[in-house]
């Protein structure tokens, strides 16, 4: 009878272990639950978020001086305008999937060491204006925290502003539009 109990325990442990194991479908060493780039090629060196180390190459390849337009191409220096960090509904924390946009900002700031940015937080229209203003401000502050604490930039290079619901870029009547409105944008202060 004792051996039946032991065999039963061994069988149940064998069946339960895969459920507790970290699943890594693209085999990059980052569990799927934390993988911001879930389809990288197997055995590719990736950052902690699962994305390829393309950030460092981007930072060194940008050849631009915003005060001298002859030194840059549109694709090199206008990343900052297309770098937008999007947020989930009623959430101020930056999702791992948004670190690619932050990598563009990092590269831009490294290539333009005198540039200062205003980080402008926005929300969709759901909720009270007061709540949305605070949420938009928290979003901008969280992006600044990442740029300062994780990337090592001087905090004096950033100003944070919360706009709440006042500047939508899409129709708030659809879930897709509301998703586009929940964002932090980057504005260059001193061109």
Protein backbone atom coordinates (compact mmCIF):
# COMPACT_ATOMS: atom_id res chain seq x y z
CA UNK A 1 0.00 0.00 0.00
CA UNK A 2 2.88 2.34 0.80
CA UNK A 3 4.41 1.90 -2.66
CA UNK A 4 1.07 2.87 -4.28
CA UNK A 5 1.10 6.13 -2.34
CA UNK A 6 4.70 6.79 -3.36
CA UNK A 7 4.02 5.95 -7.00
CA UNK A 8 0.94 8.17 -6.96
CA UNK A 9 2.96 11.04 -5.43
CA UNK A 10 5.77 10.61 -7.98
CA UNK A 11 3.31 10.55 -10.86
CA UNK A 12 1.49 13.68 -9.68
CA UNK A 13 4.78 15.54 -9.16
CA UNK A 14 5.91 14.53 -12.64
CA UNK A 15 2.69 15.83 -14.15
CA UNK A 16 2.67 19.07 -12.11
CA UNK A 17 6.27 20.17 -12.67
CA UNK A 18 5.78 21.32 -16.28
CA UNK A 19 2.92 23.53 -15.12
CA UNK A 20 5.27 25.38 -12.77
CA UNK A 21 8.18 25.61 -15.19
CA UNK A 22 8.81 28.84 -17.05
CA UNK A 23 7.72 28.51 -20.62
CA UNK A 24 10.10 30.04 -23.18
CA UNK A 25 8.67 29.33 -26.62
CA UNK A 26 11.29 31.29 -28.57
CA UNK A 27 14.12 29.80 -26.48
CA UNK A 28 15.90 33.09 -25.83
CA UNK A 29 16.23 32.50 -22.09
CA UNK A 30 13.44 34.91 -21.11
CA UNK A 31 10.16 33.43 -19.88
CA UNK A 32 7.19 34.16 -22.13
CA UNK A 33 5.39 36.02 -19.37
CA UNK A 34 8.21 38.62 -19.31
CA UNK A 35 9.21 38.51 -22.98
CA UNK A 36 8.59 41.86 -24.72
CA UNK A 37 9.84 40.39 -28.02
CA UNK A 38 8.35 36.89 -28.07
CA UNK A 39 9.55 35.80 -31.53
CA UNK A 40 13.33 36.21 -31.39
CA UNK A 41 15.44 33.55 -33.05
CA UNK A 42 16.67 30.74 -30.81
CA UNK A 43 20.14 31.24 -29.27
CA UNK A 44 20.07 35.01 -29.93
CA UNK A 45 21.61 37.17 -27.23
CA UNK A 46 18.83 39.32 -25.77
CA UNK A 47 18.34 41.89 -23.03
CA UNK A 48 16.44 41.07 -19.84
CA UNK A 49 13.15 42.00 -21.52
CA UNK A 50 13.71 39.47 -24.36
CA UNK A 51 14.57 41.99 -27.08
CA UNK A 52 17.76 41.91 -29.16
CA UNK A 53 20.58 44.28 -28.22
CA UNK A 54 19.72 46.61 -31.12
CA UNK A 55 19.56 49.60 -28.79
CA UNK A 56 23.32 49.97 -28.52
CA UNK A 57 23.75 49.84 -32.29
CA UNK A 58 21.02 52.45 -32.72
CA UNK A 59 22.69 54.76 -30.23
CA UNK A 60 26.02 54.68 -32.03
CA UNK A 61 24.53 54.93 -35.53
CA UNK A 62 22.64 58.16 -34.99
CA UNK A 63 24.68 60.93 -36.60
CA UNK A 64 22.74 64.10 -36.00
CA UNK A 65 23.02 67.55 -34.56
CA UNK A 66 19.65 69.22 -34.29
CA UNK A 67 21.29 72.63 -34.65
CA UNK A 68 22.80 71.66 -38.01
CA UNK A 69 20.21 69.98 -40.29
CA UNK A 70 22.84 69.11 -42.88
CA UNK A 71 24.28 66.49 -40.51
CA UNK A 72 21.28 64.26 -40.21
CA UNK A 73 18.66 62.40 -42.15
CA UNK A 74 15.00 62.31 -41.20
CA UNK A 75 15.12 58.62 -40.34
CA UNK A 76 18.04 59.13 -37.94
CA UNK A 77 16.98 62.11 -35.90
CA UNK A 78 13.25 62.12 -35.84
CA UNK A 79 12.90 58.95 -33.78
CA UNK A 80 11.98 61.13 -30.83
CA UNK A 81 8.78 62.24 -32.55
CA UNK A 82 7.68 58.69 -33.27
CA UNK A 83 8.72 57.36 -29.85
CA UNK A 84 5.48 57.11 -27.93
CA UNK A 85 5.01 55.04 -24.78
CA UNK A 86 1.52 53.54 -24.56
CA UNK A 87 -0.27 52.41 -21.40
CA UNK A 88 -2.97 49.98 -20.37
CA UNK A 89 -6.30 51.31 -19.09
CA UNK A 90 -6.00 53.16 -15.74
CA UNK A 91 -2.35 52.04 -15.34
CA UNK A 92 0.63 54.35 -14.83
CA UNK A 93 3.37 51.69 -14.88
CA UNK A 94 5.37 51.29 -18.09
CA UNK A 95 4.84 47.86 -19.65
CA UNK A 96 7.88 45.89 -20.84
CA UNK A 97 6.49 45.99 -24.37
CA UNK A 98 7.05 49.76 -24.39
CA UNK A 99 10.80 49.63 -23.75
CA UNK A 100 11.51 49.71 -27.49
CA UNK A 101 10.13 53.26 -27.58
CA UNK A 102 12.27 54.13 -24.55
CA UNK A 103 15.31 52.67 -26.34
CA UNK A 104 14.75 55.16 -29.17
CA UNK A 105 14.57 57.99 -26.66
CA UNK A 106 17.77 56.74 -25.02
CA UNK A 107 19.59 56.66 -28.35
CA UNK A 108 18.32 60.12 -29.22
CA UNK A 109 19.44 61.57 -25.88
CA UNK A 110 22.87 59.94 -26.11
CA UNK A 111 23.38 61.41 -29.58
CA UNK A 112 22.15 64.85 -28.46
CA UNK A 113 23.68 65.45 -25.05
CA UNK A 114 22.45 69.03 -24.68
CA UNK A 115 18.83 68.27 -25.53
CA UNK A 116 16.17 68.56 -22.85
CA UNK A 117 12.78 66.89 -23.18
CA UNK A 118 9.29 67.51 -21.92
CA UNK A 119 7.51 64.25 -21.17
CA UNK A 120 3.80 64.78 -21.77
CA UNK A 121 1.39 62.28 -20.25
CA UNK A 122 -2.10 61.70 -21.65
CA UNK A 123 -5.15 59.55 -20.86
CA UNK A 124 -8.31 58.42 -22.54
CA UNK A 125 -11.64 59.97 -21.59
CA UNK A 126 -12.81 57.26 -19.17
CA UNK A 127 -12.92 58.53 -15.59
CA UNK A 128 -13.07 61.94 -13.98
CA UNK A 129 -10.92 64.78 -15.31
CA UNK A 130 -9.15 65.03 -11.93
CA UNK A 131 -8.29 61.32 -11.90
CA UNK A 132 -7.11 61.43 -15.50
CA UNK A 133 -4.94 64.48 -14.88
CA UNK A 134 -3.18 62.72 -11.98
CA UNK A 135 -2.86 59.51 -14.01
CA UNK A 136 -1.32 61.36 -16.96
CA UNK A 137 1.16 63.06 -14.63
CA UNK A 138 2.07 59.72 -13.01
CA UNK A 139 2.67 58.19 -16.44
CA UNK A 140 5.08 60.97 -17.39
CA UNK A 141 6.82 60.70 -14.00
CA UNK A 142 7.25 56.93 -14.41
CA UNK A 143 8.82 57.39 -17.85
CA UNK A 144 11.18 60.00 -16.37
CA UNK A 145 12.06 57.60 -13.55
CA UNK A 146 13.10 54.94 -16.08
CA UNK A 147 15.18 57.42 -18.09
CA UNK A 148 16.93 58.61 -14.91
CA UNK A 149 17.23 55.44 -12.81
CA UNK A 150 17.61 52.76 -15.48
CA UNK A 151 19.36 54.71 -18.24
CA UNK A 152 21.33 57.12 -16.03
CA UNK A 153 20.29 60.45 -17.55
CA UNK A 154 20.41 63.65 -15.54
CA UNK A 155 16.93 64.37 -14.15
CA UNK A 156 17.36 68.04 -15.04
CA UNK A 157 17.05 67.09 -18.72
CA UNK A 158 13.36 66.30 -18.24
CA UNK A 159 10.20 68.22 -17.46
CA UNK A 160 7.01 66.27 -16.82
CA UNK A 161 3.55 67.48 -17.75
CA UNK A 162 0.16 65.86 -17.37
CA UNK A 163 -2.53 66.73 -19.91
CA UNK A 164 -5.22 64.30 -18.80
CA UNK A 165 -7.99 64.03 -21.41
CA UNK A 166 -7.34 67.42 -23.03
CA UNK A 167 -5.32 66.36 -26.12
CA UNK A 168 -6.64 63.13 -27.67
CA UNK A 169 -5.04 61.91 -30.88
CA UNK A 170 -7.80 59.42 -31.65
CA UNK A 171 -11.52 58.95 -31.17
CA UNK A 172 -12.34 58.04 -27.56
CA UNK A 173 -15.52 56.24 -28.66
CA UNK A 174 -13.58 53.12 -29.73
CA UNK A 175 -11.30 50.93 -27.62
CA UNK A 176 -8.54 51.31 -30.26
CA UNK A 177 -8.81 55.10 -30.09
CA UNK A 178 -8.72 55.10 -26.31
CA UNK A 179 -5.62 52.87 -26.46
CA UNK A 180 -3.85 55.41 -28.68
CA UNK A 181 -4.77 58.23 -26.30
CA UNK A 182 -3.19 56.54 -23.26
CA UNK A 183 0.37 57.65 -23.92
CA UNK A 184 3.47 59.66 -23.04
CA UNK A 185 5.00 61.74 -25.82
CA UNK A 186 8.41 63.43 -25.96
CA UNK A 187 8.87 67.06 -26.95
CA UNK A 188 12.31 68.56 -27.56
CA UNK A 189 12.66 71.78 -25.54
CA UNK A 190 15.76 73.39 -27.01
CA UNK A 191 16.15 72.98 -30.75
